[in-house]
Amino acid sequence: MVAVKKETSLRGLLGLYTCETVFLITGYGLRLETELLLVVANVIWTLLFEPFPVCLILSSATALILPGVSLVAGGRDVFTELAVAVAGLAVAALGSLLVRAHERTIDLQRYADRLEGNVASLTRANVLSQNYAKDIEMESRARERDRLTRDIHDAIGYTMTNTIMMVEAIKVMVREEPDRVAGHIKRIRANTEEGLATIKKILRDFRAREQPEESVFWAIKKLVKVFTVSTGLEVRYELGNADIRDIELFPDAVYHFIQEGLINTFRHGRATRVSIILWNFGDRLRVVLDDNGMGCPKGATPGIGISGMQERAALAGGSVSIDRVEPGFRISMHLPLGERNGQKDQAAHRG
């Protein structure tokens, strides 16, 4: 970059000195229009190859040198050369402002690119943290189930082994010591009851430690809360006239639809407010996500995120639709409720 800047600087100076040489060789035989054209050409040349504020300094110098040389040579009067210089300075000032605006635009674009990269990184981190928390919870549940299995196995194994041994002993007692059989049966009963009590204690301890499984409704509320804190967006999450049981029919589809919708709103929509509402239309559940962002360009091809929404909806027998709203963007998932509503109607009829 430094080498390129030096090369462009040399080009600008070469253009300046070339024009001066032509002017000095031809003397003051140049026409006024030619001199003005040379001044403007040198100013523009300098503006093309120099950054701000170097371009302002060099282009202003260029605008003054040629009229100054002409004035010293006595070719024209002071007011004429002053007018040429002022015209050159005006072009230099205007051009320098344009160069500065262009540089600012480039800087802002680079900043926007970096910001978008940071937003993408934050979004990925947010999703990864949610998935990690979910994986940790599943792993914890798996460990707890394994521990329960081992404890019950050990308790039942110990109790059944003792019971079998005592039953075998009764076979001998019946023939040789029948008067001891009744007392031995009591010990078998006591051993069995002790084993049963141990298993009940294991199950009570497990139930005390086991947390009730989180419903998808509360999982979505947690997702929305984490997203709001992480991004600063205002998110409204409502059931509308839907029931929590409606969502439980499609937990994976609804959860990931809302998750991907929030991500797209933050990354691409530049929204500040998001609304998530669920509606029960009798035969279908509709999940609507609205935002006040930039919207979707006409004819845009769905990305991986929206394609994933459509695939999940299709697996559940539903669909995804996109509507244009002003301002913002609306995406909806439609999921069938016919089977469940039919069951509800039958239950009501039996009642």
Protein backbone atom coordinates (compact mmCIF):
# COMPACT_ATOMS: atom_id res chain seq x y z
CA MET A 1 0.00 0.00 0.00
CA VAL A 2 2.85 2.38 0.85
CA ALA A 3 4.55 1.67 -2.48
CA VAL A 4 1.30 2.33 -4.34
CA LYS A 5 0.80 5.66 -2.49
CA LYS A 6 4.33 6.75 -3.35
CA GLU A 7 3.79 5.83 -6.99
CA THR A 8 0.54 7.80 -7.20
CA SER A 9 2.19 10.79 -5.52
CA LEU A 10 4.93 10.74 -8.11
CA ARG A 11 2.34 10.59 -10.85
CA GLY A 12 0.61 13.66 -9.47
CA LEU A 13 3.84 15.65 -9.18
CA LEU A 14 4.95 14.51 -12.65
CA GLY A 15 1.71 15.84 -14.11
CA LEU A 16 2.20 19.16 -12.30
CA TYR A 17 5.78 19.64 -13.45
CA THR A 18 4.97 18.59 -17.02
CA CYS A 19 2.33 21.31 -17.29
CA GLU A 20 4.67 23.90 -15.79
CA THR A 21 7.36 22.96 -18.29
CA VAL A 22 4.97 23.30 -21.23
CA PHE A 23 3.85 26.69 -19.94
CA LEU A 24 7.38 28.00 -19.46
CA ILE A 25 8.54 26.76 -22.88
CA THR A 26 5.64 28.36 -24.70
CA GLY A 27 5.90 31.54 -22.64
CA TYR A 28 2.81 33.62 -22.24
CA GLY A 29 1.49 32.75 -25.66
CA LEU A 30 -1.04 30.39 -24.00
CA ARG A 31 -4.65 31.36 -24.29
CA LEU A 32 -6.58 31.97 -21.09
CA GLU A 33 -8.81 28.94 -21.75
CA THR A 34 -5.75 26.70 -22.12
CA GLU A 35 -4.19 27.96 -18.90
CA LEU A 36 -7.47 27.41 -17.01
CA LEU A 37 -7.77 23.91 -18.48
CA LEU A 38 -4.20 23.08 -17.39
CA VAL A 39 -4.91 24.29 -13.86
CA VAL A 40 -8.12 22.25 -13.56
CA ALA A 41 -6.46 19.17 -15.14
CA ASN A 42 -3.56 19.31 -12.64
CA VAL A 43 -5.96 19.75 -9.72
CA ILE A 44 -8.10 16.80 -10.81
CA TRP A 45 -4.99 14.67 -11.42
CA THR A 46 -3.76 15.35 -7.90
CA LEU A 47 -7.19 14.61 -6.40
CA LEU A 48 -7.33 11.24 -8.14
CA PHE A 49 -4.11 9.95 -6.64
CA GLU A 50 -3.76 11.56 -3.20
CA PRO A 51 -5.62 10.95 0.07
CA PHE A 52 -7.14 13.69 2.17
CA PRO A 53 -5.69 16.13 3.37
CA VAL A 54 -2.65 15.70 1.08
CA CYS A 55 -4.88 16.10 -1.95
CA LEU A 56 -6.17 19.45 -0.63
CA ILE A 57 -2.64 20.80 -0.07
CA LEU A 58 -1.19 19.64 -3.41
CA SER A 59 -4.23 20.56 -5.48
CA SER A 60 -4.32 24.04 -3.92
CA ALA A 61 -0.62 24.47 -4.67
CA THR A 62 -1.24 23.31 -8.22
CA ALA A 63 -4.06 25.87 -8.59
CA LEU A 64 -1.69 28.70 -7.51
CA ILE A 65 1.57 27.78 -9.29
CA LEU A 66 0.52 28.18 -12.91
CA PRO A 67 -1.31 31.52 -12.46
CA GLY A 68 1.64 32.71 -10.37
CA VAL A 69 4.15 31.83 -13.07
CA SER A 70 2.00 33.53 -15.70
CA LEU A 71 1.71 36.64 -13.53
CA VAL A 72 5.49 36.79 -13.00
CA ALA A 73 6.05 36.39 -16.72
CA GLY A 74 3.78 39.37 -17.28
CA GLY A 75 1.44 37.63 -19.63
CA ARG A 76 -1.82 38.86 -18.14
CA ASP A 77 -3.08 41.25 -15.53
CA VAL A 78 -3.40 40.42 -11.84
CA PHE A 79 -7.19 40.15 -11.77
CA THR A 80 -7.27 37.65 -14.62
CA GLU A 81 -4.65 35.39 -13.02
CA LEU A 82 -6.39 35.79 -9.65
CA ALA A 83 -9.64 34.61 -11.24
CA VAL A 84 -7.85 31.57 -12.67
CA ALA A 85 -6.32 30.83 -9.25
CA VAL A 86 -9.69 31.20 -7.50
CA ALA A 87 -11.29 28.84 -10.02
CA GLY A 88 -8.52 26.32 -9.44
CA LEU A 89 -8.85 26.66 -5.65
CA ALA A 90 -12.61 26.16 -5.90
CA VAL A 91 -12.12 22.96 -7.87
CA ALA A 92 -9.45 21.86 -5.37
CA ALA A 93 -11.72 22.52 -2.37
CA LEU A 94 -14.74 20.83 -3.91
CA GLY A 95 -12.70 17.88 -5.10
CA SER A 96 -11.05 17.50 -1.69
CA LEU A 97 -14.48 17.40 -0.04
CA LEU A 98 -15.53 14.68 -2.45
CA VAL A 99 -12.35 12.73 -1.74
CA ARG A 100 -12.96 13.07 2.00
CA ALA A 101 -16.58 11.95 1.60
CA HIS A 102 -15.45 8.96 -0.45
CA GLU A 103 -12.87 8.00 2.18
CA ARG A 104 -15.48 8.36 4.91
CA THR A 105 -17.83 6.10 2.95
CA ILE A 106 -15.12 3.47 2.64
CA ASP A 107 -14.33 3.74 6.36
CA LEU A 108 -18.01 3.40 7.27
CA GLN A 109 -18.37 0.39 4.99
CA ARG A 110 -15.36 -1.26 6.61
CA TYR A 111 -16.81 -0.48 10.03
CA ALA A 112 -20.16 -1.93 8.96
CA ASP A 113 -18.41 -5.07 7.70
CA ARG A 114 -16.57 -5.44 11.00
CA LEU A 115 -19.81 -4.83 12.91
CA GLU A 116 -21.63 -7.43 10.85
CA GLY A 117 -18.80 -9.86 11.54
CA ASN A 118 -19.09 -9.16 15.25
CA VAL A 119 -22.86 -9.61 15.09
CA ALA A 120 -22.40 -12.93 13.31
CA SER A 121 -19.88 -14.02 15.94
CA LEU A 122 -22.23 -12.97 18.75
CA THR A 123 -25.10 -14.83 17.12
CA ARG A 124 -23.03 -17.99 16.72
CA ALA A 125 -21.85 -17.72 20.33
CA ASN A 126 -25.45 -17.24 21.49
CA VAL A 127 -26.66 -20.31 19.60
CA LEU A 128 -23.68 -22.37 20.74
CA SER A 129 -24.27 -21.40 24.37
CA GLN A 130 -27.93 -22.43 24.12
CA ASN A 131 -27.03 -25.73 22.46
CA TYR A 132 -24.26 -26.31 25.00
CA ALA A 133 -26.66 -25.74 27.89
CA LYS A 134 -29.12 -28.16 26.32
CA ASP A 135 -26.40 -30.77 25.79
CA ILE A 136 -25.22 -30.38 29.40
CA GLU A 137 -28.77 -30.88 30.65
CA MET A 138 -29.22 -34.00 28.52
CA GLU A 139 -25.86 -35.36 29.67
CA SER A 140 -26.81 -34.73 33.29
CA ARG A 141 -30.09 -36.58 32.83
CA ALA A 142 -28.28 -39.50 31.20
CA ARG A 143 -25.82 -39.74 34.12
CA GLU A 144 -28.71 -39.66 36.59
CA ARG A 145 -30.51 -42.46 34.74
CA ASP A 146 -27.33 -44.55 34.72
CA ARG A 147 -26.88 -44.03 38.47
CA LEU A 148 -30.51 -45.00 39.09
CA THR A 149 -30.10 -48.14 37.00
CA ARG A 150 -27.00 -49.18 38.94
CA ASP A 151 -28.60 -48.54 42.34
CA ILE A 152 -31.78 -50.47 41.50
CA HIS A 153 -29.75 -53.29 39.98
CA ASP A 154 -27.60 -53.59 43.08
CA ALA A 155 -30.58 -53.47 45.46
CA ILE A 156 -32.64 -56.01 43.52
CA GLY A 157 -29.62 -58.24 42.97
CA TYR A 158 -28.77 -58.31 46.67
CA THR A 159 -32.37 -58.94 47.76
CA MET A 160 -33.08 -61.63 45.18
CA THR A 161 -29.80 -63.44 45.86
CA ASN A 162 -30.55 -63.62 49.58
CA THR A 163 -34.12 -64.73 48.90
CA ILE A 164 -32.99 -67.51 46.55
CA MET A 165 -30.45 -68.78 49.06
CA MET A 166 -33.04 -68.83 51.88
CA VAL A 167 -35.59 -70.61 49.64
CA GLU A 168 -32.97 -73.28 48.91
CA ALA A 169 -32.40 -73.61 52.65
CA ILE A 170 -36.14 -74.22 53.19
CA LYS A 171 -35.96 -77.28 50.89
CA VAL A 172 -33.56 -78.87 53.35
CA MET A 173 -35.47 -77.68 56.43
CA VAL A 174 -38.74 -79.22 55.22
CA ARG A 175 -37.13 -82.66 55.38
CA GLU A 176 -34.77 -82.33 58.33
CA GLU A 177 -36.03 -79.43 60.54
CA PRO A 178 -39.66 -78.68 59.68
CA ASP A 179 -40.16 -76.76 62.91
CA ARG A 180 -37.73 -74.05 61.67
CA VAL A 181 -39.52 -73.45 58.35
CA ALA A 182 -42.00 -70.90 59.71
CA GLY A 183 -39.24 -68.74 61.24
CA HIS A 184 -37.22 -68.96 58.02
CA ILE A 185 -40.20 -67.82 55.95
CA LYS A 186 -40.48 -64.77 58.20
CA ARG A 187 -36.83 -63.96 57.51
CA ILE A 188 -37.46 -64.30 53.76
CA ARG A 189 -40.40 -61.90 54.07
CA ALA A 190 -38.30 -59.44 56.12
CA ASN A 191 -35.47 -59.62 53.54
CA THR A 192 -37.92 -58.99 50.70
CA GLU A 193 -39.54 -56.07 52.50
CA GLU A 194 -36.10 -54.59 53.22
CA GLY A 195 -35.18 -54.84 49.54
CA LEU A 196 -38.48 -53.24 48.52
CA ALA A 197 -37.92 -50.40 51.02
CA THR A 198 -34.43 -49.85 49.59
CA ILE A 199 -35.83 -49.58 46.05
CA LYS A 200 -38.55 -47.17 47.21
CA LYS A 201 -35.91 -45.01 48.91
CA ILE A 202 -33.82 -44.95 45.72
CA LEU A 203 -36.85 -43.86 43.69
CA ARG A 204 -37.85 -41.18 46.24
CA ASP A 205 -34.30 -39.77 46.18
CA PHE A 206 -34.33 -39.81 42.40
CA ARG A 207 -37.67 -38.00 42.27
CA ALA A 208 -36.39 -35.39 44.72
CA ARG A 209 -33.33 -34.70 42.57
CA GLU A 210 -35.03 -34.98 39.22
CA GLN A 211 -36.24 -31.64 37.89
CA PRO A 212 -39.50 -31.67 35.98
CA GLU A 213 -38.90 -31.65 32.24
CA GLU A 214 -39.09 -28.12 30.87
CA SER A 215 -41.92 -27.49 28.43
CA VAL A 216 -41.16 -26.00 25.05
CA PHE A 217 -43.17 -22.90 26.03
CA TRP A 218 -40.78 -22.12 28.89
CA ALA A 219 -37.78 -23.15 26.79
CA ILE A 220 -38.83 -20.51 24.24
CA LYS A 221 -39.29 -17.93 27.00
CA LYS A 222 -35.75 -18.67 28.18
CA LEU A 223 -34.50 -18.41 24.58
CA VAL A 224 -36.21 -15.02 24.17
CA LYS A 225 -34.80 -13.75 27.46
CA VAL A 226 -31.23 -14.75 26.58
CA PHE A 227 -31.63 -13.23 23.10
CA THR A 228 -33.00 -9.95 24.53
CA VAL A 229 -30.16 -9.60 27.03
CA SER A 230 -27.52 -10.50 24.42
CA THR A 231 -28.73 -8.20 21.63
CA GLY A 232 -30.70 -5.42 23.32
CA LEU A 233 -33.68 -5.96 20.98
CA GLU A 234 -37.21 -5.60 22.31
CA VAL A 235 -38.95 -8.98 21.93
CA ARG A 236 -42.65 -9.66 22.68
CA TYR A 237 -43.64 -13.33 23.05
CA GLU A 238 -47.36 -14.15 23.41
CA LEU A 239 -49.58 -17.20 23.06
CA GLY A 240 -52.50 -15.28 21.59
CA ASN A 241 -55.44 -17.70 21.66
CA ALA A 242 -53.20 -20.78 21.40
CA ASP A 243 -52.71 -23.31 24.19
CA ILE A 244 -49.41 -24.55 25.59
CA ARG A 245 -50.48 -28.05 24.56
CA ASP A 246 -50.65 -26.84 20.95
CA ILE A 247 -46.93 -26.04 21.05
CA GLU A 248 -46.12 -29.35 22.75
CA LEU A 249 -47.36 -31.15 19.63
CA PHE A 250 -44.50 -29.63 17.60
CA PRO A 251 -41.75 -28.75 20.12
CA ASP A 252 -38.78 -29.09 17.77
CA ALA A 253 -40.36 -27.26 14.83
CA VAL A 254 -41.69 -24.33 16.88
CA TYR A 255 -38.55 -23.87 18.98
CA HIS A 256 -36.12 -23.87 16.05
CA PHE A 257 -38.44 -21.71 13.92
CA ILE A 258 -38.40 -18.98 16.60
CA GLN A 259 -34.68 -19.42 17.24
CA GLU A 260 -33.76 -19.07 13.55
CA GLY A 261 -36.25 -16.22 13.09
CA LEU A 262 -34.63 -14.21 15.90
CA ILE A 263 -31.17 -14.83 14.46
CA ASN A 264 -32.22 -13.66 10.98
CA THR A 265 -33.91 -10.57 12.44
CA PHE A 266 -30.74 -9.58 14.26
CA ARG A 267 -28.22 -10.44 11.55
CA HIS A 268 -30.02 -9.31 8.41
CA GLY A 269 -33.08 -7.28 9.35
CA ARG A 270 -31.42 -4.58 11.49
CA ALA A 271 -34.62 -4.55 13.54
CA THR A 272 -35.12 -3.03 16.99
CA ARG A 273 -38.45 -4.72 17.85
CA VAL A 274 -39.64 -8.28 17.34
CA SER A 275 -43.06 -9.80 17.97
CA ILE A 276 -43.76 -13.54 18.33
CA ILE A 277 -47.44 -14.54 18.52
CA LEU A 278 -49.06 -17.98 18.29
CA TRP A 279 -52.64 -18.44 17.04
CA ASN A 280 -54.92 -21.45 17.00
CA PHE A 281 -57.15 -21.37 13.90
CA GLY A 282 -58.95 -24.61 14.76
CA ASP A 283 -57.35 -26.79 12.10
CA ARG A 284 -53.86 -25.29 12.30
CA LEU A 285 -51.42 -23.56 14.60
CA ARG A 286 -49.83 -20.40 13.22
CA VAL A 287 -46.55 -19.06 14.65
CA VAL A 288 -45.97 -15.48 13.47
CA LEU A 289 -42.69 -13.58 13.80
CA ASP A 290 -42.82 -9.84 12.94
CA ASP A 291 -40.03 -7.27 13.06
CA ASN A 292 -39.60 -3.59 12.15
CA GLY A 293 -36.35 -4.07 10.24
CA MET A 294 -35.26 -3.66 6.64
CA GLY A 295 -37.48 -6.39 5.22
CA CYS A 296 -36.60 -8.87 2.50
CA PRO A 297 -35.50 -7.72 -0.99
CA LYS A 298 -37.93 -8.67 -3.74
CA GLY A 299 -36.90 -11.88 -5.45
CA ALA A 300 -34.37 -12.82 -2.75
CA THR A 301 -33.48 -16.52 -2.56
CA PRO A 302 -34.18 -18.16 0.84
CA GLY A 303 -30.99 -18.88 2.76
CA ILE A 304 -30.05 -21.95 4.78
CA GLY A 305 -31.94 -20.67 7.84
CA ILE A 306 -35.31 -20.21 6.10
CA SER A 307 -34.81 -23.44 4.13
CA GLY A 308 -34.30 -25.20 7.46
CA MET A 309 -37.55 -23.69 8.76
CA GLN A 310 -39.39 -24.95 5.70
CA GLU A 311 -37.93 -28.44 6.07
CA ARG A 312 -38.90 -28.69 9.76
CA ALA A 313 -42.41 -27.46 8.99
CA ALA A 314 -42.74 -29.98 6.15
CA LEU A 315 -41.69 -32.84 8.45
CA ALA A 316 -44.56 -31.83 10.77
CA GLY A 317 -46.99 -31.64 7.83
CA GLY A 318 -46.94 -27.82 7.75
CA SER A 319 -45.50 -24.95 5.76
CA VAL A 320 -43.75 -21.57 6.04
CA SER A 321 -44.92 -18.34 4.43
CA ILE A 322 -43.24 -14.94 4.03
CA ASP A 323 -45.27 -11.71 3.90
CA ARG A 324 -44.17 -8.19 3.06
CA VAL A 325 -45.09 -5.58 5.65
CA GLU A 326 -44.18 -1.92 5.90
CA PRO A 327 -41.89 -1.49 7.60
CA GLY A 328 -40.23 -4.78 8.39
CA PHE A 329 -40.55 -8.49 7.72
CA ARG A 330 -43.05 -11.21 8.63
CA ILE A 331 -42.53 -14.95 8.51
CA SER A 332 -45.11 -17.51 9.63
CA MET A 333 -45.15 -21.24 10.28
CA HIS A 334 -48.42 -23.14 9.75
CA LEU A 335 -48.79 -26.51 11.51
CA PRO A 336 -51.81 -28.86 11.32
CA LEU A 337 -53.97 -29.35 14.42
CA GLY A 338 -56.75 -31.43 12.90
CA GLU A 339 -55.98 -34.68 14.72
CA ARG A 340 -55.79 -33.11 18.16
CA ASN A 341 -58.91 -31.00 17.67
CA GLY A 342 -60.72 -34.13 16.51
CA GLN A 343 -59.73 -35.88 19.73
CA LYS A 344 -60.94 -32.88 21.76
CA ASP A 345 -64.30 -32.95 19.96
CA GLN A 346 -64.70 -36.68 20.62
CA ALA A 347 -63.84 -36.19 24.30
CA ALA A 348 -66.39 -33.37 24.57
CA HIS A 349 -69.01 -35.54 22.89
CA ARG A 350 -68.38 -38.45 25.29
CA GLY A 351 -68.60 -36.01 28.22
